Amino acid sequence: MFIVCESGASAVMGRFVADVGGTNIRLAQETNGRISHIKKYLCKDYATIQEVILAYFAEFPDVTFKAGCIGIACPTNTDTIKMTNHHWAFSVKALTQGLSLDWLQVINDYTAVSMSLPVLGEDQKHQIGSGTADPTGHIAVFGPGTGLGVGHLIHTPVGWQSIPGEGGHVDFAPVDAIDMAILTFLQKRYERVSAEQLLSGNGLLQIYQAIADMNGVAVSCEEPAQVTENALSGACEICVKALNQFCAIMGSFAGNLALNMGTSGGIYIAGGIVSRFIPFLEQSDFRARYLAKGRFKEYVSVIPTYVITEPDHGLLGAAAYLEQHYKG
């Protein structure tokens, strides 16, 4: 749609989508469920979310943005939005007015991620292990990143419906002796140890620290990326053990999601961490721990597990949500 400005110049009426994590915010324009003009910004560089969205708008002076959908890493069930792993906090109503929008929906980032799953092509995901997805079966997705996001998707007569939640904050459930030692190690730091304390970037670092402590080895890595790099190169035995245990714990968590929701449509792993080491994941204890469900091993064995390889799946999901819900 075009409008005529007072100057006589034409302006395009636009819609935008955003994918907001604890570290980065990605923004794009949306048209008929498709995204374009993708830009990435560091959250720490902006005092407020309104500031960075307006900076994005300013890059497209010929577009008048009137609607948007934001997927963000925190609960979104009230007008007040406060991020879990970043300092941004805002009112949805105030942000709508501040951006001069007619319509704005703020959804949990994993609601957005879950909405992307039905539109992913085979070249945008990588299957780990066996299993065949039911095209209309329940789906679950989780993603280690700055935190641990979890989402669910069910098929209804009127289309796909995302079930929001905060599954990354469930209690960590140890399975083997190493898990139990890690739990003991972390209980000295935290009153409560959630799954996110292990399945996140900082979680990988804490697993490494715990395993080093168990083996009486001084730690040499200060960042999760160092642990991953040393594990993949084989330069550090403790790092290899840490990354394998990270994968094993992911497998147990994925299997629990499969049991909770009866996810015959599959379990997906999102986020920016796991897609970096898919070959390692395939050789790790991930799938063995996923299947280690006792009498329900056969139940989960037919449910496929995937790693999402499409980097902009959060934006795709926000676009799918916007397309399905915005009627303006």
C-alpha atoms as a PDB file:
ATOM      1  CA  MET A   1       0.000   0.000   0.000  1.00  0.00           C
ATOM      2  CA  PHE A   2       1.214   3.514  -0.809  1.00  0.00           C
ATOM      3  CA  ILE A   3       0.285   6.860   0.737  1.00  0.00           C
ATOM      4  CA  VAL A   4       1.071  10.335  -0.568  1.00  0.00           C
ATOM      5  CA  CYS A   5       3.049  12.583   1.729  1.00  0.00           C
ATOM      6  CA  GLU A   6       2.475  16.338   1.884  1.00  0.00           C
ATOM      7  CA  SER A   7       5.617  16.802  -0.179  1.00  0.00           C
ATOM      8  CA  GLY A   8       4.059  14.746  -2.939  1.00  0.00           C
ATOM      9  CA  ALA A   9       6.452  11.841  -2.493  1.00  0.00           C
ATOM     10  CA  SER A  10       5.160   8.293  -2.124  1.00  0.00           C
ATOM     11  CA  ALA A  11       5.698   6.312   1.090  1.00  0.00           C
ATOM     12  CA  VAL A  12       5.246   2.600   1.622  1.00  0.00           C
ATOM     13  CA  MET A  13       3.092   1.347   4.485  1.00  0.00           C
ATOM     14  CA  GLY A  14       5.196  -1.305   6.204  1.00  0.00           C
ATOM     15  CA  ARG A  15       5.163  -3.995   8.877  1.00  0.00           C
ATOM     16  CA  PHE A  16       8.125  -5.154  10.918  1.00  0.00           C
ATOM     17  CA  VAL A  17       9.146  -8.137  13.022  1.00  0.00           C
ATOM     18  CA  ALA A  18      11.784  -8.430  15.725  1.00  0.00           C
ATOM     19  CA  ASP A  19      13.588 -11.299  17.425  1.00  0.00           C
ATOM     20  CA  VAL A  20      14.978 -10.148  20.782  1.00  0.00           C
ATOM     21  CA  GLY A  21      17.415 -12.219  22.817  1.00  0.00           C
ATOM     22  CA  GLY A  22      19.596 -11.375  25.756  1.00  0.00           C
ATOM     23  CA  THR A  23      22.486 -10.414  23.471  1.00  0.00           C
ATOM     24  CA  ASN A  24      21.144  -9.488  20.024  1.00  0.00           C
ATOM     25  CA  ILE A  25      18.030  -8.019  18.457  1.00  0.00           C
ATOM     26  CA  ARG A  26      17.224  -8.833  14.842  1.00  0.00           C
ATOM     27  CA  LEU A  27      14.743  -6.727  12.899  1.00  0.00           C
ATOM     28  CA  ALA A  28      13.184  -7.211   9.477  1.00  0.00           C
ATOM     29  CA  GLN A  29      10.332  -6.083   7.288  1.00  0.00           C
ATOM     30  CA  GLU A  30       7.422  -8.497   6.732  1.00  0.00           C
ATOM     31  CA  THR A  31       5.238  -8.910   3.651  1.00  0.00           C
ATOM     32  CA  ASN A  32       2.820 -11.835   3.194  1.00  0.00           C
ATOM     33  CA  GLY A  33       4.735 -13.928   5.718  1.00  0.00           C
ATOM     34  CA  ARG A  34       8.092 -13.287   4.065  1.00  0.00           C
ATOM     35  CA  ILE A  35      10.925 -11.298   5.615  1.00  0.00           C
ATOM     36  CA  SER A  36      13.432  -8.900   4.072  1.00  0.00           C
ATOM     37  CA  HIS A  37      15.908  -6.157   4.991  1.00  0.00           C
ATOM     38  CA  ILE A  38      17.239  -8.071   8.008  1.00  0.00           C
ATOM     39  CA  LYS A  39      19.433  -6.098  10.395  1.00  0.00           C
ATOM     40  CA  LYS A  40      21.130  -7.216  13.624  1.00  0.00           C
ATOM     41  CA  TYR A  41      21.983  -4.960  16.566  1.00  0.00           C
ATOM     42  CA  LEU A  42      23.625  -5.525  19.956  1.00  0.00           C
ATOM     43  CA  CYS A  43      21.148  -4.948  22.781  1.00  0.00           C
ATOM     44  CA  LYS A  44      23.847  -3.455  24.990  1.00  0.00           C
ATOM     45  CA  ASP A  45      24.345  -0.610  22.527  1.00  0.00           C
ATOM     46  CA  TYR A  46      20.854   0.808  23.154  1.00  0.00           C
ATOM     47  CA  ALA A  47      19.261   2.074  26.343  1.00  0.00           C
ATOM     48  CA  THR A  48      15.748   0.941  25.349  1.00  0.00           C
ATOM     49  CA  ILE A  49      14.074  -1.306  22.831  1.00  0.00           C
ATOM     50  CA  GLN A  50      12.218   1.706  21.412  1.00  0.00           C
ATOM     51  CA  GLU A  51      15.550   3.361  20.663  1.00  0.00           C
ATOM     52  CA  VAL A  52      16.861   0.471  18.571  1.00  0.00           C
ATOM     53  CA  ILE A  53      13.573  -0.068  16.694  1.00  0.00           C
ATOM     54  CA  LEU A  54      13.452   3.631  15.809  1.00  0.00           C
ATOM     55  CA  ALA A  55      17.059   3.344  14.615  1.00  0.00           C
ATOM     56  CA  TYR A  56      15.923   0.527  12.312  1.00  0.00           C
ATOM     57  CA  PHE A  57      12.968   2.586  11.073  1.00  0.00           C
ATOM     58  CA  ALA A  58      15.334   5.485  10.334  1.00  0.00           C
ATOM     59  CA  GLU A  59      17.263   3.277   7.913  1.00  0.00           C
ATOM     60  CA  PHE A  60      14.142   3.109   5.730  1.00  0.00           C
ATOM     61  CA  PRO A  61      12.835   6.688   5.459  1.00  0.00           C
ATOM     62  CA  ASP A  62      10.457   5.793   2.610  1.00  0.00           C
ATOM     63  CA  VAL A  63       8.601   3.231   4.753  1.00  0.00           C
ATOM     64  CA  THR A  64       5.901   4.153   7.274  1.00  0.00           C
ATOM     65  CA  PHE A  65       5.681   1.266   9.728  1.00  0.00           C
ATOM     66  CA  LYS A  66       2.160   0.680  11.059  1.00  0.00           C
ATOM     67  CA  ALA A  67       2.203  -2.842  12.532  1.00  0.00           C
ATOM     68  CA  GLY A  68       4.691  -5.176  14.110  1.00  0.00           C
ATOM     69  CA  CYS A  69       5.342  -8.351  16.043  1.00  0.00           C
ATOM     70  CA  ILE A  70       8.153  -8.714  18.564  1.00  0.00           C
ATOM     71  CA  GLY A  71       9.390 -12.050  19.849  1.00  0.00           C
ATOM     72  CA  ILE A  72      11.279 -11.462  23.092  1.00  0.00           C
ATOM     73  CA  ALA A  73      13.097 -13.622  25.638  1.00  0.00           C
ATOM     74  CA  CYS A  74      10.833 -13.236  28.692  1.00  0.00           C
ATOM     75  CA  PRO A  75       7.214 -13.685  29.837  1.00  0.00           C
ATOM     76  CA  THR A  76       4.755 -11.630  27.765  1.00  0.00           C
ATOM     77  CA  ASN A  77       1.437 -12.234  29.532  1.00  0.00           C
ATOM     78  CA  THR A  78       1.048  -8.652  30.825  1.00  0.00           C
ATOM     79  CA  ASP A  79       1.438  -5.152  29.403  1.00  0.00           C
ATOM     80  CA  THR A  80       4.694  -4.752  31.325  1.00  0.00           C
ATOM     81  CA  ILE A  81       7.549  -6.585  29.651  1.00  0.00           C
ATOM     82  CA  LYS A  82      10.761  -7.143  31.604  1.00  0.00           C
ATOM     83  CA  MET A  83      13.527  -9.166  30.002  1.00  0.00           C
ATOM     84  CA  THR A  84      14.974 -12.069  31.969  1.00  0.00           C
ATOM     85  CA  ASN A  85      18.589 -11.797  30.776  1.00  0.00           C
ATOM     86  CA  HIS A  86      18.808  -8.095  29.892  1.00  0.00           C
ATOM     87  CA  HIS A  87      17.831  -4.786  31.508  1.00  0.00           C
ATOM     88  CA  TRP A  88      15.204  -3.686  28.971  1.00  0.00           C
ATOM     89  CA  ALA A  89      11.707  -3.202  30.390  1.00  0.00           C
ATOM     90  CA  PHE A  90       8.743  -1.483  28.752  1.00  0.00           C
ATOM     91  CA  SER A  91       4.981  -1.166  28.420  1.00  0.00           C
ATOM     92  CA  VAL A  92       3.516  -2.667  25.230  1.00  0.00           C
ATOM     93  CA  LYS A  93       0.925   0.120  25.082  1.00  0.00           C
ATOM     94  CA  ALA A  94       3.550   2.830  25.526  1.00  0.00           C
ATOM     95  CA  LEU A  95       5.852   1.226  22.952  1.00  0.00           C
ATOM     96  CA  THR A  96       2.999   1.045  20.437  1.00  0.00           C
ATOM     97  CA  GLN A  97       2.421   4.764  20.894  1.00  0.00           C
ATOM     98  CA  GLY A  98       6.139   5.592  20.897  1.00  0.00           C
ATOM     99  CA  LEU A  99       6.588   3.815  17.563  1.00  0.00           C
ATOM    100  CA  SER A 100       3.399   5.393  16.097  1.00  0.00           C
ATOM    101  CA  LEU A 101       1.942   1.981  15.295  1.00  0.00           C
ATOM    102  CA  ASP A 102      -1.660   0.951  14.744  1.00  0.00           C
ATOM    103  CA  TRP A 103      -0.999  -2.595  15.981  1.00  0.00           C
ATOM    104  CA  LEU A 104       1.772  -4.290  17.941  1.00  0.00           C
ATOM    105  CA  GLN A 105       1.927  -7.769  19.407  1.00  0.00           C
ATOM    106  CA  VAL A 106       4.708  -8.815  21.782  1.00  0.00           C
ATOM    107  CA  ILE A 107       5.117 -12.576  22.096  1.00  0.00           C
ATOM    108  CA  ASN A 108       7.585 -14.830  23.860  1.00  0.00           C
ATOM    109  CA  ASP A 109      10.605 -15.488  21.677  1.00  0.00           C
ATOM    110  CA  TYR A 110       9.875 -19.208  21.704  1.00  0.00           C
ATOM    111  CA  THR A 111       6.301 -18.588  20.649  1.00  0.00           C
ATOM    112  CA  ALA A 112       7.903 -16.991  17.597  1.00  0.00           C
ATOM    113  CA  VAL A 113      10.406 -19.816  17.178  1.00  0.00           C
ATOM    114  CA  SER A 114       7.652 -22.429  17.432  1.00  0.00           C
ATOM    115  CA  MET A 115       5.588 -20.652  14.770  1.00  0.00           C
ATOM    116  CA  SER A 116       8.533 -20.958  12.374  1.00  0.00           C
ATOM    117  CA  LEU A 117       8.708 -24.749  12.543  1.00  0.00           C
ATOM    118  CA  PRO A 118       5.924 -25.639  10.072  1.00  0.00           C
ATOM    119  CA  VAL A 119       7.427 -23.333   7.440  1.00  0.00           C
ATOM    120  CA  LEU A 120      11.018 -24.614   7.677  1.00  0.00           C
ATOM    121  CA  GLY A 121      12.288 -26.445   4.608  1.00  0.00           C
ATOM    122  CA  GLU A 122      14.512 -29.513   4.667  1.00  0.00           C
ATOM    123  CA  ASP A 123      17.521 -27.286   3.989  1.00  0.00           C
ATOM    124  CA  GLN A 124      16.757 -25.238   7.116  1.00  0.00           C
ATOM    125  CA  LYS A 125      17.024 -28.103   9.632  1.00  0.00           C
ATOM    126  CA  HIS A 126      19.247 -31.119  10.281  1.00  0.00           C
ATOM    127  CA  GLN A 127      17.887 -34.376  11.697  1.00  0.00           C
ATOM    128  CA  ILE A 128      19.795 -36.130  14.484  1.00  0.00           C
ATOM    129  CA  GLY A 129      19.055 -39.868  14.680  1.00  0.00           C
ATOM    130  CA  SER A 130      16.043 -41.733  13.352  1.00  0.00           C
ATOM    131  CA  GLY A 131      12.305 -41.111  13.488  1.00  0.00           C
ATOM    132  CA  THR A 132       9.615 -39.721  11.211  1.00  0.00           C
ATOM    133  CA  ALA A 133       7.552 -36.640  11.987  1.00  0.00           C
ATOM    134  CA  ASP A 134       3.758 -36.635  11.935  1.00  0.00           C
ATOM    135  CA  PRO A 135       2.954 -33.517   9.842  1.00  0.00           C
ATOM    136  CA  THR A 136       0.107 -32.540  12.182  1.00  0.00           C
ATOM    137  CA  GLY A 137       1.604 -33.865  15.431  1.00  0.00           C
ATOM    138  CA  HIS A 138       2.518 -31.794  18.467  1.00  0.00           C
ATOM    139  CA  ILE A 139       5.958 -30.151  18.269  1.00  0.00           C
ATOM    140  CA  ALA A 140       8.357 -28.913  20.937  1.00  0.00           C
ATOM    141  CA  VAL A 141      11.385 -26.671  20.533  1.00  0.00           C
ATOM    142  CA  PHE A 142      14.094 -25.584  22.938  1.00  0.00           C
ATOM    143  CA  GLY A 143      17.210 -23.551  22.481  1.00  0.00           C
ATOM    144  CA  PRO A 144      20.336 -22.978  24.546  1.00  0.00           C
ATOM    145  CA  GLY A 145      21.531 -19.404  24.077  1.00  0.00           C
ATOM    146  CA  THR A 146      21.964 -16.561  26.532  1.00  0.00           C
ATOM    147  CA  GLY A 147      19.227 -18.415  28.417  1.00  0.00           C
ATOM    148  CA  LEU A 148      17.156 -21.528  27.665  1.00  0.00           C
ATOM    149  CA  GLY A 149      13.966 -21.000  25.686  1.00  0.00           C
ATOM    150  CA  VAL A 150      11.207 -23.582  25.308  1.00  0.00           C
ATOM    151  CA  GLY A 151       8.098 -23.548  23.115  1.00  0.00           C
ATOM    152  CA  HIS A 152       5.304 -25.893  22.032  1.00  0.00           C
ATOM    153  CA  LEU A 153       3.105 -26.016  18.957  1.00  0.00           C
ATOM    154  CA  ILE A 154      -0.156 -27.871  18.356  1.00  0.00           C
ATOM    155  CA  HIS A 155      -2.200 -28.233  15.194  1.00  0.00           C
ATOM    156  CA  THR A 156      -5.820 -27.077  15.415  1.00  0.00           C
ATOM    157  CA  PRO A 157      -8.690 -26.850  12.900  1.00  0.00           C
ATOM    158  CA  VAL A 158      -7.852 -23.152  12.412  1.00  0.00           C
ATOM    159  CA  GLY A 159      -4.092 -23.590  12.056  1.00  0.00           C
ATOM    160  CA  TRP A 160      -1.054 -23.903  14.286  1.00  0.00           C
ATOM    161  CA  GLN A 161      -1.368 -22.682  17.875  1.00  0.00           C
ATOM    162  CA  SER A 162       1.697 -21.904  19.982  1.00  0.00           C
ATOM    163  CA  ILE A 163       1.561 -22.786  23.680  1.00  0.00           C
ATOM    164  CA  PRO A 164       3.707 -20.298  25.628  1.00  0.00           C
ATOM    165  CA  GLY A 165       5.596 -21.137  28.782  1.00  0.00           C
ATOM    166  CA  GLU A 166       8.870 -20.836  30.661  1.00  0.00           C
ATOM    167  CA  GLY A 167      10.100 -24.414  30.395  1.00  0.00           C
ATOM    168  CA  GLY A 168      13.746 -23.383  30.549  1.00  0.00           C
ATOM    169  CA  HIS A 169      13.301 -22.605  34.229  1.00  0.00           C
ATOM    170  CA  VAL A 170      12.194 -26.069  35.351  1.00  0.00           C
ATOM    171  CA  ASP A 171      14.417 -27.832  37.888  1.00  0.00           C
ATOM    172  CA  PHE A 172      17.532 -29.505  36.530  1.00  0.00           C
ATOM    173  CA  ALA A 173      17.063 -33.284  36.729  1.00  0.00           C
ATOM    174  CA  PRO A 174      20.396 -35.173  36.969  1.00  0.00           C
ATOM    175  CA  VAL A 175      20.569 -38.603  35.350  1.00  0.00           C
ATOM    176  CA  ASP A 176      24.086 -39.979  35.838  1.00  0.00           C
ATOM    177  CA  ALA A 177      26.924 -39.541  38.335  1.00  0.00           C
ATOM    178  CA  ILE A 178      28.484 -36.664  36.393  1.00  0.00           C
ATOM    179  CA  ASP A 179      25.158 -34.828  36.326  1.00  0.00           C
ATOM    180  CA  MET A 180      24.855 -35.291  40.069  1.00  0.00           C
ATOM    181  CA  ALA A 181      28.367 -33.966  40.656  1.00  0.00           C
ATOM    182  CA  ILE A 182      27.571 -30.924  38.496  1.00  0.00           C
ATOM    183  CA  LEU A 183      24.372 -30.341  40.471  1.00  0.00           C
ATOM    184  CA  THR A 184      26.309 -30.493  43.756  1.00  0.00           C
ATOM    185  CA  PHE A 185      28.870 -28.055  42.358  1.00  0.00           C
ATOM    186  CA  LEU A 186      26.169 -25.574  41.278  1.00  0.00           C
ATOM    187  CA  GLN A 187      24.198 -25.884  44.508  1.00  0.00           C
ATOM    188  CA  LYS A 188      27.122 -24.144  46.184  1.00  0.00           C
ATOM    189  CA  ARG A 189      26.464 -21.132  43.936  1.00  0.00           C
ATOM    190  CA  TYR A 190      22.685 -21.054  43.640  1.00  0.00           C
ATOM    191  CA  GLU A 191      19.740 -21.590  45.923  1.00  0.00           C
ATOM    192  CA  ARG A 192      18.000 -23.413  43.071  1.00  0.00           C
ATOM    193  CA  VAL A 193      19.511 -24.988  39.955  1.00  0.00           C
ATOM    194  CA  SER A 194      17.293 -24.760  36.890  1.00  0.00           C
ATOM    195  CA  ALA A 195      17.813 -26.409  33.518  1.00  0.00           C
ATOM    196  CA  GLU A 196      18.924 -23.036  32.174  1.00  0.00           C
ATOM    197  CA  GLN A 197      21.920 -23.089  34.517  1.00  0.00           C
ATOM    198  CA  LEU A 198      23.299 -25.947  32.380  1.00  0.00           C
ATOM    199  CA  LEU A 199      21.679 -25.578  28.961  1.00  0.00           C
ATOM    200  CA  SER A 200      22.881 -22.117  27.975  1.00  0.00           C
ATOM    201  CA  GLY A 201      26.155 -20.478  27.045  1.00  0.00           C
ATOM    202  CA  ASN A 202      26.972 -19.831  30.681  1.00  0.00           C
ATOM    203  CA  GLY A 203      25.698 -23.341  31.438  1.00  0.00           C
ATOM    204  CA  LEU A 204      28.331 -24.903  29.192  1.00  0.00           C
ATOM    205  CA  LEU A 205      30.991 -22.886  30.993  1.00  0.00           C
ATOM    206  CA  GLN A 206      29.637 -24.021  34.373  1.00  0.00           C
ATOM    207  CA  ILE A 207      29.616 -27.668  33.258  1.00  0.00           C
ATOM    208  CA  TYR A 208      33.258 -27.234  32.229  1.00  0.00           C
ATOM    209  CA  GLN A 209      34.100 -25.656  35.594  1.00  0.00           C
ATOM    210  CA  ALA A 210      32.361 -28.463  37.470  1.00  0.00           C
ATOM    211  CA  ILE A 211      34.111 -31.228  35.517  1.00  0.00           C
ATOM    212  CA  ALA A 212      37.468 -29.496  35.976  1.00  0.00           C
ATOM    213  CA  ASP A 213      36.758 -29.341  39.722  1.00  0.00           C
ATOM    214  CA  MET A 214      35.842 -33.053  39.758  1.00  0.00           C
ATOM    215  CA  ASN A 215      39.144 -33.905  38.078  1.00  0.00           C
ATOM    216  CA  GLY A 216      41.277 -31.554  40.159  1.00  0.00           C
ATOM    217  CA  VAL A 217      42.236 -29.517  37.081  1.00  0.00           C
ATOM    218  CA  ALA A 218      42.634 -25.751  37.021  1.00  0.00           C
ATOM    219  CA  VAL A 219      40.265 -23.999  34.642  1.00  0.00           C
ATOM    220  CA  SER A 220      41.790 -22.232  31.635  1.00  0.00           C
ATOM    221  CA  CYS A 221      38.634 -21.207  29.744  1.00  0.00           C
ATOM    222  CA  GLU A 222      36.782 -18.064  30.692  1.00  0.00           C
ATOM    223  CA  GLU A 223      34.189 -17.997  27.894  1.00  0.00           C
ATOM    224  CA  PRO A 224      31.800 -20.681  26.555  1.00  0.00           C
ATOM    225  CA  ALA A 225      33.219 -20.200  23.051  1.00  0.00           C
ATOM    226  CA  GLN A 226      36.646 -21.238  24.347  1.00  0.00           C
ATOM    227  CA  VAL A 227      35.206 -24.462  25.746  1.00  0.00           C
ATOM    228  CA  THR A 228      33.531 -25.254  22.439  1.00  0.00           C
ATOM    229  CA  GLU A 229      36.605 -24.392  20.374  1.00  0.00           C
ATOM    230  CA  ASN A 230      38.926 -26.516  22.525  1.00  0.00           C
ATOM    231  CA  ALA A 231      36.463 -29.414  22.513  1.00  0.00           C
ATOM    232  CA  LEU A 232      36.046 -29.394  18.738  1.00  0.00           C
ATOM    233  CA  SER A 233      39.802 -29.225  18.156  1.00  0.00           C
ATOM    234  CA  GLY A 234      40.483 -31.874  20.789  1.00  0.00           C
ATOM    235  CA  ALA A 235      42.942 -29.517  22.464  1.00  0.00           C
ATOM    236  CA  CYS A 236      41.474 -29.998  25.945  1.00  0.00           C
ATOM    237  CA  GLU A 237      40.168 -33.282  27.359  1.00  0.00           C
ATOM    238  CA  ILE A 238      38.100 -31.506  30.029  1.00  0.00           C
ATOM    239  CA  CYS A 239      36.469 -29.368  27.340  1.00  0.00           C
ATOM    240  CA  VAL A 240      35.612 -32.475  25.313  1.00  0.00           C
ATOM    241  CA  LYS A 241      34.018 -34.048  28.386  1.00  0.00           C
ATOM    242  CA  ALA A 242      32.149 -30.818  29.141  1.00  0.00           C
ATOM    243  CA  LEU A 243      30.705 -30.456  25.645  1.00  0.00           C
ATOM    244  CA  ASN A 244      29.700 -34.121  25.550  1.00  0.00           C
ATOM    245  CA  GLN A 245      27.959 -33.769  28.929  1.00  0.00           C
ATOM    246  CA  PHE A 246      26.223 -30.640  27.651  1.00  0.00           C
ATOM    247  CA  CYS A 247      24.936 -32.686  24.696  1.00  0.00           C
ATOM    248  CA  ALA A 248      23.896 -35.551  26.988  1.00  0.00           C
ATOM    249  CA  ILE A 249      21.923 -33.223  29.257  1.00  0.00           C
ATOM    250  CA  MET A 250      20.250 -31.756  26.163  1.00  0.00           C
ATOM    251  CA  GLY A 251      19.257 -35.284  25.158  1.00  0.00           C
ATOM    252  CA  SER A 252      17.599 -35.956  28.500  1.00  0.00           C
ATOM    253  CA  PHE A 253      15.820 -32.599  28.363  1.00  0.00           C
ATOM    254  CA  ALA A 254      14.612 -33.250  24.807  1.00  0.00           C
ATOM    255  CA  GLY A 255      13.310 -36.669  25.798  1.00  0.00           C
ATOM    256  CA  ASN A 256      11.389 -35.148  28.697  1.00  0.00           C
ATOM    257  CA  LEU A 257       9.736 -32.667  26.319  1.00  0.00           C
ATOM    258  CA  ALA A 258       8.782 -35.524  24.001  1.00  0.00           C
ATOM    259  CA  LEU A 259       7.099 -37.355  26.887  1.00  0.00           C
ATOM    260  CA  ASN A 260       5.403 -34.228  28.265  1.00  0.00           C
ATOM    261  CA  MET A 261       3.703 -33.244  25.029  1.00  0.00           C
ATOM    262  CA  GLY A 262       3.582 -36.442  22.986  1.00  0.00           C
ATOM    263  CA  THR A 263       5.505 -34.594  20.297  1.00  0.00           C
ATOM    264  CA  SER A 264       4.952 -36.868  17.292  1.00  0.00           C
ATOM    265  CA  GLY A 265       5.753 -33.843  15.112  1.00  0.00           C
ATOM    266  CA  GLY A 266       9.313 -33.762  16.429  1.00  0.00           C
ATOM    267  CA  ILE A 267      11.655 -32.039  18.851  1.00  0.00           C
ATOM    268  CA  TYR A 268      13.642 -29.080  17.525  1.00  0.00           C
ATOM    269  CA  ILE A 269      16.791 -27.470  18.913  1.00  0.00           C
ATOM    270  CA  ALA A 270      17.100 -23.748  18.209  1.00  0.00           C
ATOM    271  CA  GLY A 271      19.447 -21.018  19.362  1.00  0.00           C
ATOM    272  CA  GLY A 272      22.861 -19.947  18.179  1.00  0.00           C
ATOM    273  CA  ILE A 273      24.973 -22.447  20.099  1.00  0.00           C
ATOM    274  CA  VAL A 274      24.177 -25.995  18.958  1.00  0.00           C
ATOM    275  CA  SER A 275      24.162 -25.298  15.213  1.00  0.00           C
ATOM    276  CA  ARG A 276      27.901 -24.614  15.509  1.00  0.00           C
ATOM    277  CA  PHE A 277      28.799 -28.210  16.390  1.00  0.00           C
ATOM    278  CA  ILE A 278      26.296 -30.530  14.694  1.00  0.00           C
ATOM    279  CA  PRO A 279      28.927 -33.207  13.788  1.00  0.00           C
ATOM    280  CA  PHE A 280      30.029 -33.327  17.455  1.00  0.00           C
ATOM    281  CA  LEU A 281      26.386 -33.560  18.563  1.00  0.00           C
ATOM    282  CA  GLU A 282      25.813 -36.521  16.237  1.00  0.00           C
ATOM    283  CA  GLN A 283      28.738 -38.404  17.812  1.00  0.00           C
ATOM    284  CA  SER A 284      27.889 -37.402  21.381  1.00  0.00           C
ATOM    285  CA  ASP A 285      25.614 -39.034  23.962  1.00  0.00           C
ATOM    286  CA  PHE A 286      22.722 -36.765  22.950  1.00  0.00           C
ATOM    287  CA  ARG A 287      20.558 -39.352  21.228  1.00  0.00           C
ATOM    288  CA  ALA A 288      21.421 -42.131  23.703  1.00  0.00           C
ATOM    289  CA  ARG A 289      20.240 -39.965  26.591  1.00  0.00           C
ATOM    290  CA  TYR A 290      17.196 -38.899  24.576  1.00  0.00           C
ATOM    291  CA  LEU A 291      16.229 -42.577  24.245  1.00  0.00           C
ATOM    292  CA  ALA A 292      17.064 -43.471  27.872  1.00  0.00           C
ATOM    293  CA  LYS A 293      13.461 -43.368  29.073  1.00  0.00           C
ATOM    294  CA  GLY A 294      13.125 -46.915  30.410  1.00  0.00           C
ATOM    295  CA  ARG A 295       9.785 -48.468  29.439  1.00  0.00           C
ATOM    296  CA  PHE A 296       9.115 -45.490  27.160  1.00  0.00           C
ATOM    297  CA  LYS A 297      12.242 -45.872  25.024  1.00  0.00           C
ATOM    298  CA  GLU A 298      10.168 -47.148  22.097  1.00  0.00           C
ATOM    299  CA  TYR A 299       7.689 -44.301  22.566  1.00  0.00           C
ATOM    300  CA  VAL A 300      10.355 -41.631  22.037  1.00  0.00           C
ATOM    301  CA  SER A 301      12.413 -43.609  19.501  1.00  0.00           C
ATOM    302  CA  VAL A 302       9.991 -42.848  16.649  1.00  0.00           C
ATOM    303  CA  ILE A 303       9.979 -39.115  17.430  1.00  0.00           C
ATOM    304  CA  PRO A 304      12.624 -37.298  15.373  1.00  0.00           C
ATOM    305  CA  THR A 305      14.995 -34.675  16.734  1.00  0.00           C
ATOM    306  CA  TYR A 306      16.264 -31.774  14.638  1.00  0.00           C
ATOM    307  CA  VAL A 307      18.709 -28.901  14.876  1.00  0.00           C
ATOM    308  CA  ILE A 308      17.412 -25.739  13.222  1.00  0.00           C
ATOM    309  CA  THR A 309      20.093 -24.460  10.843  1.00  0.00           C
ATOM    310  CA  GLU A 310      18.148 -21.416   9.605  1.00  0.00           C
ATOM    311  CA  PRO A 311      19.664 -18.446  11.485  1.00  0.00           C
ATOM    312  CA  ASP A 312      16.563 -16.262  11.188  1.00  0.00           C
ATOM    313  CA  HIS A 313      13.946 -18.736  12.395  1.00  0.00           C
ATOM    314  CA  GLY A 314      12.801 -16.336  15.142  1.00  0.00           C
ATOM    315  CA  LEU A 315      12.031 -13.679  12.562  1.00  0.00           C
ATOM    316  CA  LEU A 316      10.275 -16.227  10.353  1.00  0.00           C
ATOM    317  CA  GLY A 317       8.083 -17.242  13.288  1.00  0.00           C
ATOM    318  CA  ALA A 318       7.246 -13.660  14.211  1.00  0.00           C
ATOM    319  CA  ALA A 319       6.326 -13.081  10.568  1.00  0.00           C
ATOM    320  CA  ALA A 320       4.097 -16.167  10.569  1.00  0.00           C
ATOM    321  CA  TYR A 321       2.399 -14.937  13.750  1.00  0.00           C
ATOM    322  CA  LEU A 322       1.927 -11.442  12.326  1.00  0.00           C
ATOM    323  CA  GLU A 323       0.497 -12.809   9.099  1.00  0.00           C
ATOM    324  CA  GLN A 324      -1.945 -15.067  10.964  1.00  0.00           C
ATOM    325  CA  HIS A 325      -3.135 -12.536  13.558  1.00  0.00           C
ATOM    326  CA  TYR A 326      -2.929  -9.032  12.076  1.00  0.00           C
ATOM    327  CA  LYS A 327      -6.089  -8.185  10.148  1.00  0.00           C
ATOM    328  CA  GLY A 328      -5.430  -4.497   9.479  1.00  0.00           C
END
